[in-house]
Amino acid sequence: VKDGGIVTKVDGSDGALVQRERIAGNGSYYASPVTGDGKVYFADDRGVLSVVADTQEWKMLSSHKFGEKIHTTPVINGDRLYIRSEKALYAFQAPGNE
């Protein structure tokens, strides 16, 4: 992911371009993208978390504006997603997995 929210997907075997898309967050990206549960999570420094489907042709699933900076990589542990912003630590769990 490049600053401005441009995500490039390449073929792992030969490096050929597969897809290039813009995601919701258009800030700078210091956090690494993470994958889990069939999704890829991107967090930008302006506090936007973008979620895309981890499929052959990516599609945007959702995005959320936290309203505070995010410089750290989201963490997946079991069925929880943790996001640390400049002011808080958030934990998300899929409904029905409490």
PDB file of N, CA and C in Angstrom:
ATOM      1  N   VAL A   1       0.855  -1.169   0.000  1.00  0.00           N
ATOM      2  CA  VAL A   1       0.000   0.000   0.000  1.00  0.00           C
ATOM      3  C   VAL A   1       0.904   1.236   0.000  1.00  0.00           C
ATOM      4  N   LYS A   2       0.544   2.189  -0.845  1.00  0.00           N
ATOM      5  CA  LYS A   2       1.292   3.440  -0.942  1.00  0.00           C
ATOM      6  C   LYS A   2       0.513   4.540  -0.243  1.00  0.00           C
ATOM      7  N   ASP A   3       1.236   5.572   0.173  1.00  0.00           N
ATOM      8  CA  ASP A   3       0.558   6.735   0.711  1.00  0.00           C
ATOM      9  C   ASP A   3      -0.489   7.200  -0.292  1.00  0.00           C
ATOM     10  N   GLY A   4      -1.623   7.619   0.217  1.00  0.00           N
ATOM     11  CA  GLY A   4      -2.738   7.993  -0.644  1.00  0.00           C
ATOM     12  C   GLY A   4      -3.727   6.858  -0.832  1.00  0.00           C
ATOM     13  N   GLY A   5      -3.415   5.661  -0.313  1.00  0.00           N
ATOM     14  CA  GLY A   5      -4.352   4.546  -0.355  1.00  0.00           C
ATOM     15  C   GLY A   5      -4.348   3.722  -1.620  1.00  0.00           C
ATOM     16  N   ILE A   6      -3.248   3.715  -2.348  1.00  0.00           N
ATOM     17  CA  ILE A   6      -3.154   2.896  -3.557  1.00  0.00           C
ATOM     18  C   ILE A   6      -2.588   1.528  -3.168  1.00  0.00           C
ATOM     19  N   VAL A   7      -3.388   0.490  -3.377  1.00  0.00           N
ATOM     20  CA  VAL A   7      -2.979  -0.876  -3.047  1.00  0.00           C
ATOM     21  C   VAL A   7      -2.659  -1.602  -4.350  1.00  0.00           C
ATOM     22  N   THR A   8      -1.492  -2.220  -4.390  1.00  0.00           N
ATOM     23  CA  THR A   8      -1.065  -2.976  -5.560  1.00  0.00           C
ATOM     24  C   THR A   8      -0.943  -4.437  -5.182  1.00  0.00           C
ATOM     25  N   LYS A   9      -1.560  -5.300  -5.963  1.00  0.00           N
ATOM     26  CA  LYS A   9      -1.491  -6.747  -5.750  1.00  0.00           C
ATOM     27  C   LYS A   9      -0.708  -7.342  -6.912  1.00  0.00           C
ATOM     28  N   VAL A  10       0.333  -8.118  -6.562  1.00  0.00           N
ATOM     29  CA  VAL A  10       1.162  -8.740  -7.585  1.00  0.00           C
ATOM     30  C   VAL A  10       1.123 -10.253  -7.437  1.00  0.00           C
ATOM     31  N   ASP A  11       1.410 -10.947  -8.517  1.00  0.00           N
ATOM     32  CA  ASP A  11       1.502 -12.402  -8.512  1.00  0.00           C
ATOM     33  C   ASP A  11       2.786 -12.795  -7.804  1.00  0.00           C
ATOM     34  N   GLY A  12       2.674 -13.683  -6.804  1.00  0.00           N
ATOM     35  CA  GLY A  12       3.826 -14.089  -6.027  1.00  0.00           C
ATOM     36  C   GLY A  12       4.855 -14.884  -6.790  1.00  0.00           C
ATOM     37  N   SER A  13       4.455 -15.508  -7.893  1.00  0.00           N
ATOM     38  CA  SER A  13       5.393 -16.347  -8.627  1.00  0.00           C
ATOM     39  C   SER A  13       6.273 -15.559  -9.598  1.00  0.00           C
ATOM     40  N   ASP A  14       5.714 -14.518 -10.211  1.00  0.00           N
ATOM     41  CA  ASP A  14       6.511 -13.786 -11.205  1.00  0.00           C
ATOM     42  C   ASP A  14       6.494 -12.266 -11.015  1.00  0.00           C
ATOM     43  N   GLY A  15       5.756 -11.767 -10.021  1.00  0.00           N
ATOM     44  CA  GLY A  15       5.721 -10.336  -9.755  1.00  0.00           C
ATOM     45  C   GLY A  15       4.854  -9.532 -10.704  1.00  0.00           C
ATOM     46  N   ALA A  16       4.074 -10.233 -11.541  1.00  0.00           N
ATOM     47  CA  ALA A  16       3.212  -9.535 -12.498  1.00  0.00           C
ATOM     48  C   ALA A  16       2.073  -8.820 -11.765  1.00  0.00           C
ATOM     49  N   LEU A  17       1.719  -7.639 -12.260  1.00  0.00           N
ATOM     50  CA  LEU A  17       0.626  -6.863 -11.689  1.00  0.00           C
ATOM     51  C   LEU A  17      -0.689  -7.625 -11.847  1.00  0.00           C
ATOM     52  N   VAL A  18      -1.405  -7.801 -10.749  1.00  0.00           N
ATOM     53  CA  VAL A  18      -2.709  -8.454 -10.772  1.00  0.00           C
ATOM     54  C   VAL A  18      -3.809  -7.410 -10.674  1.00  0.00           C
ATOM     55  N   GLN A  19      -3.635  -6.458  -9.756  1.00  0.00           N
ATOM     56  CA  GLN A  19      -4.677  -5.462  -9.526  1.00  0.00           C
ATOM     57  C   GLN A  19      -4.091  -4.257  -8.817  1.00  0.00           C
ATOM     58  N   ARG A  20      -4.624  -3.075  -9.118  1.00  0.00           N
ATOM     59  CA  ARG A  20      -4.247  -1.843  -8.417  1.00  0.00           C
ATOM     60  C   ARG A  20      -5.539  -1.086  -8.157  1.00  0.00           C
ATOM     61  N   GLU A  21      -5.790  -0.782  -6.890  1.00  0.00           N
ATOM     62  CA  GLU A  21      -7.036  -0.121  -6.490  1.00  0.00           C
ATOM     63  C   GLU A  21      -6.750   0.938  -5.435  1.00  0.00           C
ATOM     64  N   ARG A  22      -7.649   1.885  -5.306  1.00  0.00           N
ATOM     65  CA  ARG A  22      -7.586   2.869  -4.225  1.00  0.00           C
ATOM     66  C   ARG A  22      -8.559   2.420  -3.141  1.00  0.00           C
ATOM     67  N   ILE A  23      -8.099   2.443  -1.876  1.00  0.00           N
ATOM     68  CA  ILE A  23      -8.965   2.103  -0.755  1.00  0.00           C
ATOM     69  C   ILE A  23      -9.420   3.389  -0.071  1.00  0.00           C
ATOM     70  N   ALA A  24     -10.275   3.269   0.928  1.00  0.00           N
ATOM     71  CA  ALA A  24     -10.897   4.441   1.559  1.00  0.00           C
ATOM     72  C   ALA A  24      -9.888   5.365   2.224  1.00  0.00           C
ATOM     73  N   GLY A  25      -8.913   4.815   2.947  1.00  0.00           N
ATOM     74  CA  GLY A  25      -7.932   5.656   3.628  1.00  0.00           C
ATOM     75  C   GLY A  25      -6.988   6.291   2.634  1.00  0.00           C
ATOM     76  N   ASN A  26      -6.844   7.617   2.697  1.00  0.00           N
ATOM     77  CA  ASN A  26      -5.954   8.284   1.733  1.00  0.00           C
ATOM     78  C   ASN A  26      -4.799   9.006   2.413  1.00  0.00           C
ATOM     79  N   GLY A  27      -4.482   8.587   3.646  1.00  0.00           N
ATOM     80  CA  GLY A  27      -3.357   9.183   4.357  1.00  0.00           C
ATOM     81  C   GLY A  27      -2.066   8.461   4.045  1.00  0.00           C
ATOM     82  N   SER A  28      -1.111   8.584   4.958  1.00  0.00           N
ATOM     83  CA  SER A  28       0.149   7.854   4.852  1.00  0.00           C
ATOM     84  C   SER A  28       0.008   6.530   5.585  1.00  0.00           C
ATOM     85  N   TYR A  29       0.761   5.532   5.151  1.00  0.00           N
ATOM     86  CA  TYR A  29       0.671   4.196   5.737  1.00  0.00           C
ATOM     87  C   TYR A  29       1.989   3.821   6.386  1.00  0.00           C
ATOM     88  N   TYR A  30       1.991   3.817   7.722  1.00  0.00           N
ATOM     89  CA  TYR A  30       3.150   3.373   8.492  1.00  0.00           C
ATOM     90  C   TYR A  30       2.920   1.942   8.979  1.00  0.00           C
ATOM     91  N   ALA A  31       1.657   1.562   9.174  1.00  0.00           N
ATOM     92  CA  ALA A  31       1.290   0.227   9.636  1.00  0.00           C
ATOM     93  C   ALA A  31       1.302  -0.750   8.464  1.00  0.00           C
ATOM     94  N   SER A  32       1.709  -1.975   8.735  1.00  0.00           N
ATOM     95  CA  SER A  32       1.675  -3.019   7.709  1.00  0.00           C
ATOM     96  C   SER A  32       0.267  -3.559   7.571  1.00  0.00           C
ATOM     97  N   PRO A  33      -0.138  -3.949   6.361  1.00  0.00           N
ATOM     98  CA  PRO A  33      -1.430  -4.615   6.220  1.00  0.00           C
ATOM     99  C   PRO A  33      -1.369  -5.993   6.879  1.00  0.00           C
ATOM    100  N   VAL A  34      -2.501  -6.469   7.380  1.00  0.00           N
ATOM    101  CA  VAL A  34      -2.571  -7.813   7.958  1.00  0.00           C
ATOM    102  C   VAL A  34      -3.759  -8.551   7.354  1.00  0.00           C
ATOM    103  N   THR A  35      -3.646  -9.882   7.313  1.00  0.00           N
ATOM    104  CA  THR A  35      -4.727 -10.703   6.760  1.00  0.00           C
ATOM    105  C   THR A  35      -5.247 -11.650   7.822  1.00  0.00           C
ATOM    106  N   GLY A  36      -6.532 -11.934   7.727  1.00  0.00           N
ATOM    107  CA  GLY A  36      -7.171 -12.901   8.606  1.00  0.00           C
ATOM    108  C   GLY A  36      -8.639 -13.013   8.269  1.00  0.00           C
ATOM    109  N   ASP A  37      -9.181 -14.206   8.431  1.00  0.00           N
ATOM    110  CA  ASP A  37     -10.606 -14.447   8.208  1.00  0.00           C
ATOM    111  C   ASP A  37     -11.053 -14.023   6.812  1.00  0.00           C
ATOM    112  N   GLY A  38     -10.183 -14.206   5.821  1.00  0.00           N
ATOM    113  CA  GLY A  38     -10.552 -13.875   4.446  1.00  0.00           C
ATOM    114  C   GLY A  38     -10.581 -12.389   4.142  1.00  0.00           C
ATOM    115  N   LYS A  39      -9.925 -11.591   4.990  1.00  0.00           N
ATOM    116  CA  LYS A  39      -9.914 -10.142   4.807  1.00  0.00           C
ATOM    117  C   LYS A  39      -8.490  -9.608   4.931  1.00  0.00           C
ATOM    118  N   VAL A  40      -8.271  -8.423   4.352  1.00  0.00           N
ATOM    119  CA  VAL A  40      -7.008  -7.704   4.523  1.00  0.00           C
ATOM    120  C   VAL A  40      -7.355  -6.365   5.151  1.00  0.00           C
ATOM    121  N   TYR A  41      -6.616  -6.016   6.229  1.00  0.00           N
ATOM    122  CA  TYR A  41      -6.874  -4.799   6.992  1.00  0.00           C
ATOM    123  C   TYR A  41      -5.737  -3.810   6.770  1.00  0.00           C
ATOM    124  N   PHE A  42      -6.112  -2.556   6.425  1.00  0.00           N
ATOM    125  CA  PHE A  42      -5.153  -1.478   6.195  1.00  0.00           C
ATOM    126  C   PHE A  42      -5.513  -0.316   7.115  1.00  0.00           C
ATOM    127  N   ALA A  43      -4.533   0.227   7.844  1.00  0.00           N
ATOM    128  CA  ALA A  43      -4.780   1.370   8.715  1.00  0.00           C
ATOM    129  C   ALA A  43      -3.874   2.518   8.298  1.00  0.00           C
ATOM    130  N   ASP A  44      -4.464   3.691   8.058  1.00  0.00           N
ATOM    131  CA  ASP A  44      -3.638   4.839   7.681  1.00  0.00           C
ATOM    132  C   ASP A  44      -3.411   5.767   8.867  1.00  0.00           C
ATOM    133  N   ASP A  45      -2.499   6.718   8.706  1.00  0.00           N
ATOM    134  CA  ASP A  45      -2.132   7.589   9.815  1.00  0.00           C
ATOM    135  C   ASP A  45      -3.207   8.604  10.169  1.00  0.00           C
ATOM    136  N   ARG A  46      -4.214   8.753   9.346  1.00  0.00           N
ATOM    137  CA  ARG A  46      -5.321   9.663   9.649  1.00  0.00           C
ATOM    138  C   ARG A  46      -6.423   8.955  10.441  1.00  0.00           C
ATOM    139  N   GLY A  47      -6.242   7.654  10.688  1.00  0.00           N
ATOM    140  CA  GLY A  47      -7.198   6.916  11.503  1.00  0.00           C
ATOM    141  C   GLY A  47      -8.291   6.209  10.738  1.00  0.00           C
ATOM    142  N   VAL A  48      -8.045   5.890   9.479  1.00  0.00           N
ATOM    143  CA  VAL A  48      -9.028   5.155   8.689  1.00  0.00           C
ATOM    144  C   VAL A  48      -8.580   3.703   8.570  1.00  0.00           C
ATOM    145  N   LEU A  49      -9.455   2.784   8.969  1.00  0.00           N
ATOM    146  CA  LEU A  49      -9.217   1.354   8.796  1.00  0.00           C
ATOM    147  C   LEU A  49     -10.035   0.901   7.601  1.00  0.00           C
ATOM    148  N   SER A  50      -9.368   0.363   6.591  1.00  0.00           N
ATOM    149  CA  SER A  50     -10.035  -0.143   5.395  1.00  0.00           C
ATOM    150  C   SER A  50      -9.939  -1.664   5.385  1.00  0.00           C
ATOM    151  N   VAL A  51     -11.034  -2.319   5.009  1.00  0.00           N
ATOM    152  CA  VAL A  51     -11.087  -3.779   4.972  1.00  0.00           C
ATOM    153  C   VAL A  51     -11.478  -4.209   3.570  1.00  0.00           C
ATOM    154  N   VAL A  52     -10.643  -5.061   2.962  1.00  0.00           N
ATOM    155  CA  VAL A  52     -10.941  -5.589   1.633  1.00  0.00           C
ATOM    156  C   VAL A  52     -10.991  -7.115   1.700  1.00  0.00           C
ATOM    157  N   ALA A  53     -11.719  -7.705   0.780  1.00  0.00           N
ATOM    158  CA  ALA A  53     -11.799  -9.165   0.706  1.00  0.00           C
ATOM    159  C   ALA A  53     -10.482  -9.710   0.172  1.00  0.00           C
ATOM    160  N   ASP A  54      -9.967 -10.739   0.816  1.00  0.00           N
ATOM    161  CA  ASP A  54      -8.729 -11.385   0.379  1.00  0.00           C
ATOM    162  C   ASP A  54      -9.092 -12.457  -0.647  1.00  0.00           C
ATOM    163  N   THR A  55      -9.440 -11.996  -1.834  1.00  0.00           N
ATOM    164  CA  THR A  55      -9.852 -12.871  -2.932  1.00  0.00           C
ATOM    165  C   THR A  55      -9.026 -12.516  -4.164  1.00  0.00           C
ATOM    166  N   GLN A  56      -9.184 -13.301  -5.208  1.00  0.00           N
ATOM    167  CA  GLN A  56      -8.436 -13.047  -6.447  1.00  0.00           C
ATOM    168  C   GLN A  56      -8.628 -11.606  -6.903  1.00  0.00           C
ATOM    169  N   GLU A  57      -9.849 -11.154  -6.987  1.00  0.00           N
ATOM    170  CA  GLU A  57     -10.156  -9.760  -7.316  1.00  0.00           C
ATOM    171  C   GLU A  57     -10.631  -9.091  -6.037  1.00  0.00           C
ATOM    172  N   TRP A  58      -9.775  -8.253  -5.439  1.00  0.00           N
ATOM    173  CA  TRP A  58     -10.136  -7.590  -4.193  1.00  0.00           C
ATOM    174  C   TRP A  58     -11.354  -6.709  -4.380  1.00  0.00           C
ATOM    175  N   LYS A  59     -12.152  -6.635  -3.335  1.00  0.00           N
ATOM    176  CA  LYS A  59     -13.241  -5.668  -3.321  1.00  0.00           C
ATOM    177  C   LYS A  59     -13.316  -5.070  -1.930  1.00  0.00           C
ATOM    178  N   MET A  60     -13.659  -3.812  -1.868  1.00  0.00           N
ATOM    179  CA  MET A  60     -13.759  -3.100  -0.608  1.00  0.00           C
ATOM    180  C   MET A  60     -14.962  -3.624   0.166  1.00  0.00           C
ATOM    181  N   LEU A  61     -14.737  -4.034   1.424  1.00  0.00           N
ATOM    182  CA  LEU A  61     -15.824  -4.528   2.266  1.00  0.00           C
ATOM    183  C   LEU A  61     -16.347  -3.441   3.200  1.00  0.00           C
ATOM    184  N   SER A  62     -15.429  -2.687   3.804  1.00  0.00           N
ATOM    185  CA  SER A  62     -15.856  -1.629   4.715  1.00  0.00           C
ATOM    186  C   SER A  62     -14.682  -0.714   5.049  1.00  0.00           C
ATOM    187  N   SER A  63     -15.007   0.384   5.690  1.00  0.00           N
ATOM    188  CA  SER A  63     -13.976   1.269   6.237  1.00  0.00           C
ATOM    189  C   SER A  63     -14.574   1.979   7.441  1.00  0.00           C
ATOM    190  N   HIS A  64     -13.695   2.402   8.339  1.00  0.00           N
ATOM    191  CA  HIS A  64     -14.144   3.105   9.538  1.00  0.00           C
ATOM    192  C   HIS A  64     -13.138   4.211   9.865  1.00  0.00           C
ATOM    193  N   LYS A  65     -13.676   5.389  10.157  1.00  0.00           N
ATOM    194  CA  LYS A  65     -12.840   6.523  10.554  1.00  0.00           C
ATOM    195  C   LYS A  65     -12.822   6.588  12.080  1.00  0.00           C
ATOM    196  N   PHE A  66     -11.665   6.347  12.673  1.00  0.00           N
ATOM    197  CA  PHE A  66     -11.531   6.377  14.123  1.00  0.00           C
ATOM    198  C   PHE A  66     -11.423   7.804  14.662  1.00  0.00           C
ATOM    199  N   GLY A  67     -11.051   8.745  13.821  1.00  0.00           N
ATOM    200  CA  GLY A  67     -10.949  10.126  14.262  1.00  0.00           C
ATOM    201  C   GLY A  67      -9.701  10.424  15.078  1.00  0.00           C
ATOM    202  N   GLU A  68      -8.738   9.524  15.056  1.00  0.00           N
ATOM    203  CA  GLU A  68      -7.458   9.716  15.736  1.00  0.00           C
ATOM    204  C   GLU A  68      -6.405   8.926  14.979  1.00  0.00           C
ATOM    205  N   LYS A  69      -5.168   9.338  15.085  1.00  0.00           N
ATOM    206  CA  LYS A  69      -4.092   8.745  14.293  1.00  0.00           C
ATOM    207  C   LYS A  69      -3.849   7.272  14.633  1.00  0.00           C
ATOM    208  N   ILE A  70      -3.490   6.511  13.598  1.00  0.00           N
ATOM    209  CA  ILE A  70      -3.089   5.113  13.770  1.00  0.00           C
ATOM    210  C   ILE A  70      -1.747   4.942  13.065  1.00  0.00           C
ATOM    211  N   HIS A  71      -0.723   4.579  13.831  1.00  0.00           N
ATOM    212  CA  HIS A  71       0.607   4.347  13.269  1.00  0.00           C
ATOM    213  C   HIS A  71       1.058   2.908  13.466  1.00  0.00           C
ATOM    214  N   THR A  72       0.268   2.105  14.152  1.00  0.00           N
ATOM    215  CA  THR A  72       0.671   0.733  14.460  1.00  0.00           C
ATOM    216  C   THR A  72      -0.099  -0.268  13.612  1.00  0.00           C
ATOM    217  N   THR A  73       0.524  -1.410  13.405  1.00  0.00           N
ATOM    218  CA  THR A  73      -0.083  -2.483  12.633  1.00  0.00           C
ATOM    219  C   THR A  73      -1.204  -3.135  13.428  1.00  0.00           C
ATOM    220  N   PRO A  74      -2.391  -3.317  12.832  1.00  0.00           N
ATOM    221  CA  PRO A  74      -3.447  -4.055  13.520  1.00  0.00           C
ATOM    222  C   PRO A  74      -2.959  -5.466  13.861  1.00  0.00           C
ATOM    223  N   VAL A  75      -3.499  -6.020  14.935  1.00  0.00           N
ATOM    224  CA  VAL A  75      -3.101  -7.353  15.383  1.00  0.00           C
ATOM    225  C   VAL A  75      -4.318  -8.261  15.396  1.00  0.00           C
ATOM    226  N   ILE A  76      -4.152  -9.458  14.845  1.00  0.00           N
ATOM    227  CA  ILE A  76      -5.200 -10.474  14.905  1.00  0.00           C
ATOM    228  C   ILE A  76      -4.726 -11.547  15.864  1.00  0.00           C
ATOM    229  N   ASN A  77      -5.565 -11.837  16.853  1.00  0.00           N
ATOM    230  CA  ASN A  77      -5.265 -12.872  17.832  1.00  0.00           C
ATOM    231  C   ASN A  77      -6.530 -13.702  18.016  1.00  0.00           C
ATOM    232  N   GLY A  78      -6.497 -14.927  17.509  1.00  0.00           N
ATOM    233  CA  GLY A  78      -7.704 -15.760  17.557  1.00  0.00           C
ATOM    234  C   GLY A  78      -8.796 -15.127  16.723  1.00  0.00           C
ATOM    235  N   ASP A  79      -9.938 -14.879  17.349  1.00  0.00           N
ATOM    236  CA  ASP A  79     -11.061 -14.273  16.625  1.00  0.00           C
ATOM    237  C   ASP A  79     -11.226 -12.792  16.949  1.00  0.00           C
ATOM    238  N   ARG A  80     -10.166 -12.164  17.428  1.00  0.00           N
ATOM    239  CA  ARG A  80     -10.211 -10.737  17.763  1.00  0.00           C
ATOM    240  C   ARG A  80      -9.240  -9.936  16.901  1.00  0.00           C
ATOM    241  N   LEU A  81      -9.661  -8.707  16.594  1.00  0.00           N
ATOM    242  CA  LEU A  81      -8.829  -7.747  15.884  1.00  0.00           C
ATOM    243  C   LEU A  81      -8.558  -6.590  16.839  1.00  0.00           C
ATOM    244  N   TYR A  82      -7.289  -6.255  17.027  1.00  0.00           N
ATOM    245  CA  TYR A  82      -6.895  -5.155  17.911  1.00  0.00           C
ATOM    246  C   TYR A  82      -6.338  -4.009  17.075  1.00  0.00           C
ATOM    247  N   ILE A  83      -6.803  -2.803  17.399  1.00  0.00           N
ATOM    248  CA  ILE A  83      -6.340  -1.592  16.739  1.00  0.00           C
ATOM    249  C   ILE A  83      -5.891  -0.631  17.838  1.00  0.00           C
ATOM    250  N   ARG A  84      -4.646  -0.164  17.757  1.00  0.00           N
ATOM    251  CA  ARG A  84      -4.169   0.826  18.719  1.00  0.00           C
ATOM    252  C   ARG A  84      -4.033   2.163  18.006  1.00  0.00           C
ATOM    253  N   SER A  85      -4.777   3.127  18.497  1.00  0.00           N
ATOM    254  CA  SER A  85      -4.692   4.480  17.968  1.00  0.00           C
ATOM    255  C   SER A  85      -3.837   5.314  18.918  1.00  0.00           C
ATOM    256  N   GLU A  86      -3.760   6.610  18.649  1.00  0.00           N
ATOM    257  CA  GLU A  86      -2.962   7.460  19.523  1.00  0.00           C
ATOM    258  C   GLU A  86      -3.607   7.641  20.893  1.00  0.00           C
ATOM    259  N   LYS A  87      -4.903   7.321  21.035  1.00  0.00           N
ATOM    260  CA  LYS A  87      -5.596   7.551  22.302  1.00  0.00           C
ATOM    261  C   LYS A  87      -6.190   6.300  22.940  1.00  0.00           C
ATOM    262  N   ALA A  88      -6.320   5.206  22.211  1.00  0.00           N
ATOM    263  CA  ALA A  88      -7.040   4.052  22.755  1.00  0.00           C
ATOM    264  C   ALA A  88      -6.575   2.748  22.117  1.00  0.00           C
ATOM    265  N   LEU A  89      -6.942   1.662  22.769  1.00  0.00           N
ATOM    266  CA  LEU A  89      -6.766   0.322  22.212  1.00  0.00           C
ATOM    267  C   LEU A  89      -8.147  -0.254  22.011  1.00  0.00           C
ATOM    268  N   TYR A  90      -8.466  -0.632  20.779  1.00  0.00           N
ATOM    269  CA  TYR A  90      -9.772  -1.185  20.438  1.00  0.00           C
ATOM    270  C   TYR A  90      -9.640  -2.678  20.195  1.00  0.00           C
ATOM    271  N   ALA A  91     -10.648  -3.440  20.626  1.00  0.00           N
ATOM    272  CA  ALA A  91     -10.702  -4.875  20.366  1.00  0.00           C
ATOM    273  C   ALA A  91     -12.042  -5.173  19.721  1.00  0.00           C
ATOM    274  N   PHE A  92     -12.011  -5.862  18.590  1.00  0.00           N
ATOM    275  CA  PHE A  92     -13.228  -6.222  17.867  1.00  0.00           C
ATOM    276  C   PHE A  92     -13.326  -7.730  17.772  1.00  0.00           C
ATOM    277  N   GLN A  93     -14.549  -8.231  17.909  1.00  0.00           N
ATOM    278  CA  GLN A  93     -14.789  -9.674  17.831  1.00  0.00           C
ATOM    279  C   GLN A  93     -16.048  -9.865  17.016  1.00  0.00           C
ATOM    280  N   ALA A  94     -16.035 -10.874  16.162  1.00  0.00           N
ATOM    281  CA  ALA A  94     -17.201 -11.149  15.325  1.00  0.00           C
ATOM    282  C   ALA A  94     -18.406 -11.497  16.189  1.00  0.00           C
ATOM    283  N   PRO A  95     -19.602 -11.049  15.807  1.00  0.00           N
ATOM    284  CA  PRO A  95     -20.790 -11.394  16.577  1.00  0.00           C
ATOM    285  C   PRO A  95     -20.946 -12.915  16.687  1.00  0.00           C
ATOM    286  N   GLY A  96     -21.392 -13.368  17.838  1.00  0.00           N
ATOM    287  CA  GLY A  96     -21.602 -14.791  18.049  1.00  0.00           C
ATOM    288  C   GLY A  96     -20.363 -15.536  18.523  1.00  0.00           C
ATOM    289  N   ASN A  97     -19.220 -14.840  18.632  1.00  0.00           N
ATOM    290  CA  ASN A  97     -17.980 -15.478  19.065  1.00  0.00           C
ATOM    291  C   ASN A  97     -17.590 -15.045  20.477  1.00  0.00           C
ATOM    292  N   GLU A  98     -18.523 -14.486  21.233  1.00  0.00           N
ATOM    293  CA  GLU A  98     -18.195 -13.998  22.577  1.00  0.00           C
ATOM    294  C   GLU A  98     -17.847 -15.138  23.502  1.00  0.00           C
TER     295      GLU A  98
END
